[in-house]
Amino acid sequence: MGAMSLRLLDDLDEWLDREAKLEQIPRSEVARLAIAEYLAKKEKERFMEELVAAAKALAADPEARAEALALAEEGLEGWLDNLEAEERAAGIDPDEKWWR
């Protein structure tokens, strides 16, 4: 296990102290949890940025966009067929309008 030493501003040090006492855990455990949460958040943010960039790149490519739309439509059609089959199996008429 690695070790580190750091300096905290007085108000942050007091805040850390209060939280450790409230949680009844050592200050170092509060710091470990906070660091782990921060790093997980940053990793998730980077992943989402990469995902958005990839989606934008695909959307900008007409061939990739057409293929993605075709796959989505195919998947939706299968999902709708499964939903209809489940409704019929449950004794629900999928042609009956439920919103009336």
PDB file of N, CA and C in Angstrom:
ATOM      1  N   MET A   1       0.855  -1.177   0.000  1.00  0.00           N
ATOM      2  CA  MET A   1       0.000   0.000   0.000  1.00  0.00           C
ATOM      3  C   MET A   1       0.891   1.226   0.000  1.00  0.00           C
ATOM      4  N   GLY A   2       0.587   2.153  -0.907  1.00  0.00           N
ATOM      5  CA  GLY A   2       1.348   3.388  -0.988  1.00  0.00           C
ATOM      6  C   GLY A   2       0.985   4.340   0.139  1.00  0.00           C
ATOM      7  N   ALA A   3       1.874   5.265   0.389  1.00  0.00           N
ATOM      8  CA  ALA A   3       1.633   6.271   1.430  1.00  0.00           C
ATOM      9  C   ALA A   3       1.914   7.637   0.829  1.00  0.00           C
ATOM     10  N   MET A   4       1.234   8.634   1.366  1.00  0.00           N
ATOM     11  CA  MET A   4       1.495   9.992   0.915  1.00  0.00           C
ATOM     12  C   MET A   4       1.281  10.960   2.063  1.00  0.00           C
ATOM     13  N   SER A   5       1.853  12.106   1.917  1.00  0.00           N
ATOM     14  CA  SER A   5       1.695  13.159   2.899  1.00  0.00           C
ATOM     15  C   SER A   5       1.203  14.381   2.144  1.00  0.00           C
ATOM     16  N   LEU A   6       0.244  15.094   2.713  1.00  0.00           N
ATOM     17  CA  LEU A   6      -0.230  16.288   2.039  1.00  0.00           C
ATOM     18  C   LEU A   6      -0.592  17.352   3.047  1.00  0.00           C
ATOM     19  N   ARG A   7      -0.548  18.576   2.586  1.00  0.00           N
ATOM     20  CA  ARG A   7      -0.912  19.708   3.431  1.00  0.00           C
ATOM     21  C   ARG A   7      -2.328  20.129   3.070  1.00  0.00           C
ATOM     22  N   LEU A   8      -3.120  20.400   4.100  1.00  0.00           N
ATOM     23  CA  LEU A   8      -4.500  20.824   3.901  1.00  0.00           C
ATOM     24  C   LEU A   8      -4.695  22.219   4.466  1.00  0.00           C
ATOM     25  N   LEU A   9      -5.512  23.002   3.803  1.00  0.00           N
ATOM     26  CA  LEU A   9      -5.895  24.287   4.368  1.00  0.00           C
ATOM     27  C   LEU A   9      -6.622  24.013   5.683  1.00  0.00           C
ATOM     28  N   ASP A  10      -6.551  24.944   6.603  1.00  0.00           N
ATOM     29  CA  ASP A  10      -7.136  24.731   7.929  1.00  0.00           C
ATOM     30  C   ASP A  10      -8.609  24.342   7.870  1.00  0.00           C
ATOM     31  N   ASP A  11      -9.395  25.027   7.027  1.00  0.00           N
ATOM     32  CA  ASP A  11     -10.828  24.716   6.979  1.00  0.00           C
ATOM     33  C   ASP A  11     -11.081  23.321   6.405  1.00  0.00           C
ATOM     34  N   LEU A  12     -10.280  22.898   5.442  1.00  0.00           N
ATOM     35  CA  LEU A  12     -10.422  21.554   4.889  1.00  0.00           C
ATOM     36  C   LEU A  12     -10.001  20.500   5.911  1.00  0.00           C
ATOM     37  N   ASP A  13      -8.972  20.813   6.674  1.00  0.00           N
ATOM     38  CA  ASP A  13      -8.503  19.906   7.728  1.00  0.00           C
ATOM     39  C   ASP A  13      -9.589  19.731   8.798  1.00  0.00           C
ATOM     40  N   GLU A  14     -10.229  20.816   9.162  1.00  0.00           N
ATOM     41  CA  GLU A  14     -11.304  20.750  10.160  1.00  0.00           C
ATOM     42  C   GLU A  14     -12.509  19.978   9.610  1.00  0.00           C
ATOM     43  N   TRP A  15     -12.811  20.198   8.339  1.00  0.00           N
ATOM     44  CA  TRP A  15     -13.919  19.503   7.683  1.00  0.00           C
ATOM     45  C   TRP A  15     -13.645  18.001   7.652  1.00  0.00           C
ATOM     46  N   LEU A  16     -12.418  17.634   7.322  1.00  0.00           N
ATOM     47  CA  LEU A  16     -12.014  16.230   7.309  1.00  0.00           C
ATOM     48  C   LEU A  16     -12.147  15.627   8.701  1.00  0.00           C
ATOM     49  N   ASP A  17     -11.717  16.364   9.694  1.00  0.00           N
ATOM     50  CA  ASP A  17     -11.822  15.913  11.082  1.00  0.00           C
ATOM     51  C   ASP A  17     -13.280  15.664  11.474  1.00  0.00           C
ATOM     52  N   ARG A  18     -14.144  16.630  11.173  1.00  0.00           N
ATOM     53  CA  ARG A  18     -15.573  16.484  11.509  1.00  0.00           C
ATOM     54  C   ARG A  18     -16.182  15.261  10.835  1.00  0.00           C
ATOM     55  N   GLU A  19     -15.877  15.082   9.561  1.00  0.00           N
ATOM     56  CA  GLU A  19     -16.450  13.953   8.822  1.00  0.00           C
ATOM     57  C   GLU A  19     -15.956  12.630   9.384  1.00  0.00           C
ATOM     58  N   ALA A  20     -14.698  12.551   9.696  1.00  0.00           N
ATOM     59  CA  ALA A  20     -14.144  11.323  10.264  1.00  0.00           C
ATOM     60  C   ALA A  20     -14.817  10.991  11.599  1.00  0.00           C
ATOM     61  N   LYS A  21     -15.040  12.009  12.417  1.00  0.00           N
ATOM     62  CA  LYS A  21     -15.705  11.782  13.708  1.00  0.00           C
ATOM     63  C   LYS A  21     -17.157  11.366  13.506  1.00  0.00           C
ATOM     64  N   LEU A  22     -17.851  12.024  12.574  1.00  0.00           N
ATOM     65  CA  LEU A  22     -19.252  11.670  12.305  1.00  0.00           C
ATOM     66  C   LEU A  22     -19.377  10.235  11.800  1.00  0.00           C
ATOM     67  N   GLU A  23     -18.485   9.854  10.912  1.00  0.00           N
ATOM     68  CA  GLU A  23     -18.522   8.504  10.328  1.00  0.00           C
ATOM     69  C   GLU A  23     -17.847   7.462  11.229  1.00  0.00           C
ATOM     70  N   GLN A  24     -17.131   7.942  12.229  1.00  0.00           N
ATOM     71  CA  GLN A  24     -16.388   7.077  13.147  1.00  0.00           C
ATOM     72  C   GLN A  24     -15.396   6.184  12.399  1.00  0.00           C
ATOM     73  N   ILE A  25     -14.662   6.840  11.503  1.00  0.00           N
ATOM     74  CA  ILE A  25     -13.594   6.164  10.771  1.00  0.00           C
ATOM     75  C   ILE A  25     -12.375   7.078  10.775  1.00  0.00           C
ATOM     76  N   PRO A  26     -11.204   6.514  10.551  1.00  0.00           N
ATOM     77  CA  PRO A  26      -9.995   7.348  10.552  1.00  0.00           C
ATOM     78  C   PRO A  26     -10.020   8.390   9.423  1.00  0.00           C
ATOM     79  N   ARG A  27      -9.345   9.496   9.676  1.00  0.00           N
ATOM     80  CA  ARG A  27      -9.233  10.555   8.669  1.00  0.00           C
ATOM     81  C   ARG A  27      -8.672   9.996   7.369  1.00  0.00           C
ATOM     82  N   SER A  28      -7.707   9.102   7.476  1.00  0.00           N
ATOM     83  CA  SER A  28      -7.088   8.537   6.275  1.00  0.00           C
ATOM     84  C   SER A  28      -8.106   7.748   5.448  1.00  0.00           C
ATOM     85  N   GLU A  29      -9.062   7.111   6.112  1.00  0.00           N
ATOM     86  CA  GLU A  29     -10.099   6.365   5.382  1.00  0.00           C
ATOM     87  C   GLU A  29     -11.032   7.324   4.656  1.00  0.00           C
ATOM     88  N   VAL A  30     -11.383   8.445   5.284  1.00  0.00           N
ATOM     89  CA  VAL A  30     -12.205   9.456   4.618  1.00  0.00           C
ATOM     90  C   VAL A  30     -11.466   9.965   3.382  1.00  0.00           C
ATOM     91  N   ALA A  31     -10.178  10.224   3.525  1.00  0.00           N
ATOM     92  CA  ALA A  31      -9.373  10.716   2.405  1.00  0.00           C
ATOM     93  C   ALA A  31      -9.301   9.666   1.298  1.00  0.00           C
ATOM     94  N   ARG A  32      -9.081   8.392   1.651  1.00  0.00           N
ATOM     95  CA  ARG A  32      -9.037   7.321   0.647  1.00  0.00           C
ATOM     96  C   ARG A  32     -10.351   7.237  -0.117  1.00  0.00           C
ATOM     97  N   LEU A  33     -11.468   7.295   0.616  1.00  0.00           N
ATOM     98  CA  LEU A  33     -12.786   7.224  -0.027  1.00  0.00           C
ATOM     99  C   LEU A  33     -13.010   8.414  -0.958  1.00  0.00           C
ATOM    100  N   ALA A  34     -12.617   9.597  -0.503  1.00  0.00           N
ATOM    101  CA  ALA A  34     -12.793  10.804  -1.319  1.00  0.00           C
ATOM    102  C   ALA A  34     -11.939  10.739  -2.583  1.00  0.00           C
ATOM    103  N   ILE A  35     -10.722  10.283  -2.451  1.00  0.00           N
ATOM    104  CA  ILE A  35      -9.837  10.159  -3.619  1.00  0.00           C
ATOM    105  C   ILE A  35     -10.391   9.122  -4.589  1.00  0.00           C
ATOM    106  N   ALA A  36     -10.840   7.981  -4.063  1.00  0.00           N
ATOM    107  CA  ALA A  36     -11.394   6.937  -4.926  1.00  0.00           C
ATOM    108  C   ALA A  36     -12.633   7.441  -5.665  1.00  0.00           C
ATOM    109  N   GLU A  37     -13.501   8.166  -4.969  1.00  0.00           N
ATOM    110  CA  GLU A  37     -14.709   8.711  -5.595  1.00  0.00           C
ATOM    111  C   GLU A  37     -14.343   9.725  -6.679  1.00  0.00           C
ATOM    112  N   TYR A  38     -13.381  10.572  -6.400  1.00  0.00           N
ATOM    113  CA  TYR A  38     -12.937  11.575  -7.369  1.00  0.00           C
ATOM    114  C   TYR A  38     -12.370  10.898  -8.621  1.00  0.00           C
ATOM    115  N   LEU A  39     -11.500   9.911  -8.429  1.00  0.00           N
ATOM    116  CA  LEU A  39     -10.885   9.230  -9.567  1.00  0.00           C
ATOM    117  C   LEU A  39     -11.922   8.472 -10.393  1.00  0.00           C
ATOM    118  N   ALA A  40     -12.886   7.838  -9.739  1.00  0.00           N
ATOM    119  CA  ALA A  40     -13.949   7.130 -10.460  1.00  0.00           C
ATOM    120  C   ALA A  40     -14.785   8.108 -11.270  1.00  0.00           C
ATOM    121  N   LYS A  41     -15.069   9.264 -10.692  1.00  0.00           N
ATOM    122  CA  LYS A  41     -15.851  10.300 -11.387  1.00  0.00           C
ATOM    123  C   LYS A  41     -15.101  10.790 -12.621  1.00  0.00           C
ATOM    124  N   LYS A  42     -13.814  11.061 -12.481  1.00  0.00           N
ATOM    125  CA  LYS A  42     -13.016  11.540 -13.605  1.00  0.00           C
ATOM    126  C   LYS A  42     -12.934  10.478 -14.701  1.00  0.00           C
ATOM    127  N   GLU A  43     -12.778   9.227 -14.315  1.00  0.00           N
ATOM    128  CA  GLU A  43     -12.711   8.140 -15.298  1.00  0.00           C
ATOM    129  C   GLU A  43     -14.034   8.039 -16.067  1.00  0.00           C
ATOM    130  N   LYS A  44     -15.144   8.150 -15.362  1.00  0.00           N
ATOM    131  CA  LYS A  44     -16.459   8.097 -16.005  1.00  0.00           C
ATOM    132  C   LYS A  44     -16.646   9.280 -16.951  1.00  0.00           C
ATOM    133  N   GLU A  45     -16.218  10.466 -16.542  1.00  0.00           N
ATOM    134  CA  GLU A  45     -16.319  11.656 -17.394  1.00  0.00           C
ATOM    135  C   GLU A  45     -15.519  11.467 -18.678  1.00  0.00           C
ATOM    136  N   ARG A  46     -14.300  10.928 -18.562  1.00  0.00           N
ATOM    137  CA  ARG A  46     -13.473  10.701 -19.747  1.00  0.00           C
ATOM    138  C   ARG A  46     -14.117   9.675 -20.672  1.00  0.00           C
ATOM    139  N   PHE A  47     -14.659   8.609 -20.083  1.00  0.00           N
ATOM    140  CA  PHE A  47     -15.325   7.578 -20.874  1.00  0.00           C
ATOM    141  C   PHE A  47     -16.499   8.179 -21.637  1.00  0.00           C
ATOM    142  N   MET A  48     -17.307   8.991 -20.955  1.00  0.00           N
ATOM    143  CA  MET A  48     -18.463   9.601 -21.601  1.00  0.00           C
ATOM    144  C   MET A  48     -18.026  10.562 -22.713  1.00  0.00           C
ATOM    145  N   GLU A  49     -16.954  11.299 -22.503  1.00  0.00           N
ATOM    146  CA  GLU A  49     -16.436  12.188 -23.540  1.00  0.00           C
ATOM    147  C   GLU A  49     -16.007  11.390 -24.768  1.00  0.00           C
ATOM    148  N   GLU A  50     -15.335  10.257 -24.539  1.00  0.00           N
ATOM    149  CA  GLU A  50     -14.914   9.398 -25.643  1.00  0.00           C
ATOM    150  C   GLU A  50     -16.123   8.812 -26.364  1.00  0.00           C
ATOM    151  N   LEU A  51     -17.131   8.431 -25.606  1.00  0.00           N
ATOM    152  CA  LEU A  51     -18.349   7.874 -26.184  1.00  0.00           C
ATOM    153  C   LEU A  51     -19.056   8.908 -27.062  1.00  0.00           C
ATOM    154  N   VAL A  52     -19.157  10.126 -26.564  1.00  0.00           N
ATOM    155  CA  VAL A  52     -19.796  11.206 -27.334  1.00  0.00           C
ATOM    156  C   VAL A  52     -18.991  11.491 -28.599  1.00  0.00           C
ATOM    157  N   ALA A  53     -17.675  11.534 -28.480  1.00  0.00           N
ATOM    158  CA  ALA A  53     -16.828  11.797 -29.650  1.00  0.00           C
ATOM    159  C   ALA A  53     -17.001  10.697 -30.693  1.00  0.00           C
ATOM    160  N   ALA A  54     -17.056   9.440 -30.244  1.00  0.00           N
ATOM    161  CA  ALA A  54     -17.246   8.325 -31.175  1.00  0.00           C
ATOM    162  C   ALA A  54     -18.620   8.398 -31.838  1.00  0.00           C
ATOM    163  N   ALA A  55     -19.644   8.735 -31.061  1.00  0.00           N
ATOM    164  CA  ALA A  55     -20.991   8.853 -31.617  1.00  0.00           C
ATOM    165  C   ALA A  55     -21.054   9.982 -32.643  1.00  0.00           C
ATOM    166  N   LYS A  56     -20.402  11.103 -32.355  1.00  0.00           N
ATOM    167  CA  LYS A  56     -20.386  12.223 -33.298  1.00  0.00           C
ATOM    168  C   LYS A  56     -19.653  11.838 -34.581  1.00  0.00           C
ATOM    169  N   ALA A  57     -18.557  11.101 -34.437  1.00  0.00           N
ATOM    170  CA  ALA A  57     -17.803  10.668 -35.618  1.00  0.00           C
ATOM    171  C   ALA A  57     -18.649   9.729 -36.468  1.00  0.00           C
ATOM    172  N   LEU A  58     -19.348   8.813 -35.823  1.00  0.00           N
ATOM    173  CA  LEU A  58     -20.220   7.898 -36.569  1.00  0.00           C
ATOM    174  C   LEU A  58     -21.365   8.651 -37.239  1.00  0.00           C
ATOM    175  N   ALA A  59     -21.950   9.596 -36.528  1.00  0.00           N
ATOM    176  CA  ALA A  59     -23.070  10.362 -37.077  1.00  0.00           C
ATOM    177  C   ALA A  59     -22.621  11.206 -38.281  1.00  0.00           C
ATOM    178  N   ALA A  60     -21.366  11.612 -38.302  1.00  0.00           N
ATOM    179  CA  ALA A  60     -20.860  12.431 -39.398  1.00  0.00           C
ATOM    180  C   ALA A  60     -20.541  11.594 -40.638  1.00  0.00           C
ATOM    181  N   ASP A  61     -20.432  10.284 -40.467  1.00  0.00           N
ATOM    182  CA  ASP A  61     -20.124   9.387 -41.580  1.00  0.00           C
ATOM    183  C   ASP A  61     -21.443   8.838 -42.135  1.00  0.00           C
ATOM    184  N   PRO A  62     -21.848   9.260 -43.338  1.00  0.00           N
ATOM    185  CA  PRO A  62     -23.151   8.845 -43.875  1.00  0.00           C
ATOM    186  C   PRO A  62     -23.320   7.328 -43.955  1.00  0.00           C
ATOM    187  N   GLU A  63     -22.265   6.622 -44.304  1.00  0.00           N
ATOM    188  CA  GLU A  63     -22.347   5.161 -44.410  1.00  0.00           C
ATOM    189  C   GLU A  63     -22.576   4.529 -43.035  1.00  0.00           C
ATOM    190  N   ALA A  64     -21.809   4.980 -42.058  1.00  0.00           N
ATOM    191  CA  ALA A  64     -21.944   4.449 -40.694  1.00  0.00           C
ATOM    192  C   ALA A  64     -23.307   4.813 -40.121  1.00  0.00           C
ATOM    193  N   ARG A  65     -23.759   6.023 -40.405  1.00  0.00           N
ATOM    194  CA  ARG A  65     -25.071   6.471 -39.912  1.00  0.00           C
ATOM    195  C   ARG A  65     -26.189   5.605 -40.482  1.00  0.00           C
ATOM    196  N   ALA A  66     -26.143   5.327 -41.774  1.00  0.00           N
ATOM    197  CA  ALA A  66     -27.165   4.494 -42.408  1.00  0.00           C
ATOM    198  C   ALA A  66     -27.153   3.084 -41.814  1.00  0.00           C
ATOM    199  N   GLU A  67     -25.959   2.550 -41.587  1.00  0.00           N
ATOM    200  CA  GLU A  67     -25.857   1.211 -41.005  1.00  0.00           C
ATOM    201  C   GLU A  67     -26.399   1.189 -39.577  1.00  0.00           C
ATOM    202  N   ALA A  68     -26.088   2.217 -38.805  1.00  0.00           N
ATOM    203  CA  ALA A  68     -26.581   2.293 -37.425  1.00  0.00           C
ATOM    204  C   ALA A  68     -28.103   2.407 -37.393  1.00  0.00           C
ATOM    205  N   LEU A  69     -28.661   3.208 -38.288  1.00  0.00           N
ATOM    206  CA  LEU A  69     -30.118   3.345 -38.345  1.00  0.00           C
ATOM    207  C   LEU A  69     -30.772   2.027 -38.737  1.00  0.00           C
ATOM    208  N   ALA A  70     -30.170   1.326 -39.676  1.00  0.00           N
ATOM    209  CA  ALA A  70     -30.713   0.024 -40.094  1.00  0.00           C
ATOM    210  C   ALA A  70     -30.682  -0.968 -38.931  1.00  0.00           C
ATOM    211  N   LEU A  71     -29.594  -0.982 -38.207  1.00  0.00           N
ATOM    212  CA  LEU A  71     -29.490  -1.881 -37.042  1.00  0.00           C
ATOM    213  C   LEU A  71     -30.509  -1.516 -35.975  1.00  0.00           C
ATOM    214  N   ALA A  72     -30.682  -0.218 -35.748  1.00  0.00           N
ATOM    215  CA  ALA A  72     -31.644   0.236 -34.741  1.00  0.00           C
ATOM    216  C   ALA A  72     -33.059  -0.154 -35.144  1.00  0.00           C
ATOM    217  N   GLU A  73     -33.409   0.041 -36.400  1.00  0.00           N
ATOM    218  CA  GLU A  73     -34.742  -0.321 -36.876  1.00  0.00           C
ATOM    219  C   GLU A  73     -34.970  -1.829 -36.768  1.00  0.00           C
ATOM    220  N   GLU A  74     -33.953  -2.596 -37.113  1.00  0.00           N
ATOM    221  CA  GLU A  74     -34.044  -4.058 -37.013  1.00  0.00           C
ATOM    222  C   GLU A  74     -34.244  -4.485 -35.563  1.00  0.00           C
ATOM    223  N   GLY A  75     -33.499  -3.881 -34.679  1.00  0.00           N
ATOM    224  CA  GLY A  75     -33.628  -4.201 -33.253  1.00  0.00           C
ATOM    225  C   GLY A  75     -34.978  -3.786 -32.704  1.00  0.00           C
ATOM    226  N   LEU A  76     -35.466  -2.635 -33.126  1.00  0.00           N
ATOM    227  CA  LEU A  76     -36.764  -2.147 -32.670  1.00  0.00           C
ATOM    228  C   LEU A  76     -37.879  -3.061 -33.146  1.00  0.00           C
ATOM    229  N   GLU A  77     -37.770  -3.490 -34.395  1.00  0.00           N
ATOM    230  CA  GLU A  77     -38.779  -4.385 -34.947  1.00  0.00           C
ATOM    231  C   GLU A  77     -38.831  -5.687 -34.143  1.00  0.00           C
ATOM    232  N   GLY A  78     -37.667  -6.245 -33.842  1.00  0.00           N
ATOM    233  CA  GLY A  78     -37.617  -7.471 -33.040  1.00  0.00           C
ATOM    234  C   GLY A  78     -38.178  -7.246 -31.647  1.00  0.00           C
ATOM    235  N   TRP A  79     -37.861  -6.103 -31.063  1.00  0.00           N
ATOM    236  CA  TRP A  79     -38.355  -5.788 -29.725  1.00  0.00           C
ATOM    237  C   TRP A  79     -39.875  -5.673 -29.730  1.00  0.00           C
ATOM    238  N   LEU A  80     -40.420  -4.995 -30.748  1.00  0.00           N
ATOM    239  CA  LEU A  80     -41.865  -4.849 -30.842  1.00  0.00           C
ATOM    240  C   LEU A  80     -42.556  -6.199 -31.034  1.00  0.00           C
ATOM    241  N   ASP A  81     -41.953  -7.069 -31.855  1.00  0.00           N
ATOM    242  CA  ASP A  81     -42.510  -8.411 -32.050  1.00  0.00           C
ATOM    243  C   ASP A  81     -42.526  -9.181 -30.732  1.00  0.00           C
ATOM    244  N   ASN A  82     -41.438  -9.103 -29.967  1.00  0.00           N
ATOM    245  CA  ASN A  82     -41.367  -9.781 -28.666  1.00  0.00           C
ATOM    246  C   ASN A  82     -42.393  -9.217 -27.693  1.00  0.00           C
ATOM    247  N   LEU A  83     -42.554  -7.915 -27.691  1.00  0.00           N
ATOM    248  CA  LEU A  83     -43.518  -7.271 -26.807  1.00  0.00           C
ATOM    249  C   LEU A  83     -44.937  -7.734 -27.140  1.00  0.00           C
ATOM    250  N   GLU A  84     -45.246  -7.779 -28.409  1.00  0.00           N
ATOM    251  CA  GLU A  84     -46.573  -8.225 -28.841  1.00  0.00           C
ATOM    252  C   GLU A  84     -46.809  -9.672 -28.432  1.00  0.00           C
ATOM    253  N   ALA A  85     -45.810 -10.517 -28.596  1.00  0.00           N
ATOM    254  CA  ALA A  85     -45.936 -11.927 -28.212  1.00  0.00           C
ATOM    255  C   ALA A  85     -46.146 -12.051 -26.702  1.00  0.00           C
ATOM    256  N   GLU A  86     -45.425 -11.254 -25.919  1.00  0.00           N
ATOM    257  CA  GLU A  86     -45.581 -11.283 -24.461  1.00  0.00           C
ATOM    258  C   GLU A  86     -46.981 -10.823 -24.054  1.00  0.00           C
ATOM    259  N   GLU A  87     -47.480  -9.791 -24.728  1.00  0.00           N
ATOM    260  CA  GLU A  87     -48.827  -9.317 -24.416  1.00  0.00           C
ATOM    261  C   GLU A  87     -49.862 -10.387 -24.722  1.00  0.00           C
ATOM    262  N   ARG A  88     -49.730 -11.020 -25.880  1.00  0.00           N
ATOM    263  CA  ARG A  88     -50.683 -12.080 -26.238  1.00  0.00           C
ATOM    264  C   ARG A  88     -50.616 -13.228 -25.228  1.00  0.00           C
ATOM    265  N   ALA A  89     -49.406 -13.590 -24.808  1.00  0.00           N
ATOM    266  CA  ALA A  89     -49.231 -14.676 -23.828  1.00  0.00           C
ATOM    267  C   ALA A  89     -49.853 -14.313 -22.488  1.00  0.00           C
ATOM    268  N   ALA A  90     -49.896 -13.018 -22.179  1.00  0.00           N
ATOM    269  CA  ALA A  90     -50.482 -12.556 -20.918  1.00  0.00           C
ATOM    270  C   ALA A  90     -51.983 -12.317 -21.046  1.00  0.00           C
ATOM    271  N   GLY A  91     -52.545 -12.600 -22.228  1.00  0.00           N
ATOM    272  CA  GLY A  91     -53.971 -12.419 -22.416  1.00  0.00           C
ATOM    273  C   GLY A  91     -54.363 -10.998 -22.768  1.00  0.00           C
ATOM    274  N   ILE A  92     -53.415 -10.219 -23.224  1.00  0.00           N
ATOM    275  CA  ILE A  92     -53.679  -8.826 -23.610  1.00  0.00           C
ATOM    276  C   ILE A  92     -53.718  -8.757 -25.133  1.00  0.00           C
ATOM    277  N   ASP A  93     -54.752  -8.111 -25.656  1.00  0.00           N
ATOM    278  CA  ASP A  93     -54.838  -7.931 -27.100  1.00  0.00           C
ATOM    279  C   ASP A  93     -54.031  -6.698 -27.475  1.00  0.00           C
ATOM    280  N   PRO A  94     -52.875  -6.859 -28.162  1.00  0.00           N
ATOM    281  CA  PRO A  94     -52.038  -5.707 -28.490  1.00  0.00           C
ATOM    282  C   PRO A  94     -52.714  -4.734 -29.450  1.00  0.00           C
ATOM    283  N   ASP A  95     -53.771  -5.196 -30.141  1.00  0.00           N
ATOM    284  CA  ASP A  95     -54.477  -4.306 -31.061  1.00  0.00           C
ATOM    285  C   ASP A  95     -55.490  -3.425 -30.339  1.00  0.00           C
ATOM    286  N   GLU A  96     -55.825  -3.789 -29.103  1.00  0.00           N
ATOM    287  CA  GLU A  96     -56.784  -2.992 -28.328  1.00  0.00           C
ATOM    288  C   GLU A  96     -56.068  -1.735 -27.824  1.00  0.00           C
ATOM    289  N   LYS A  97     -56.675  -0.603 -28.001  1.00  0.00           N
ATOM    290  CA  LYS A  97     -56.086   0.663 -27.605  1.00  0.00           C
ATOM    291  C   LYS A  97     -56.233   0.869 -26.111  1.00  0.00           C
ATOM    292  N   TRP A  98     -55.143   0.845 -25.384  1.00  0.00           N
ATOM    293  CA  TRP A  98     -55.180   0.971 -23.927  1.00  0.00           C
ATOM    294  C   TRP A  98     -55.437   2.394 -23.467  1.00  0.00           C
ATOM    295  N   TRP A  99     -55.223   3.364 -24.348  1.00  0.00           N
ATOM    296  CA  TRP A  99     -55.339   4.758 -23.926  1.00  0.00           C
ATOM    297  C   TRP A  99     -56.751   5.326 -24.036  1.00  0.00           C
ATOM    298  N   ARG A 100     -57.687   4.506 -24.459  1.00  0.00           N
ATOM    299  CA  ARG A 100     -59.068   4.997 -24.581  1.00  0.00           C
ATOM    300  C   ARG A 100     -59.772   4.947 -23.256  1.00  0.00           C
TER     301      ARG A 100
END
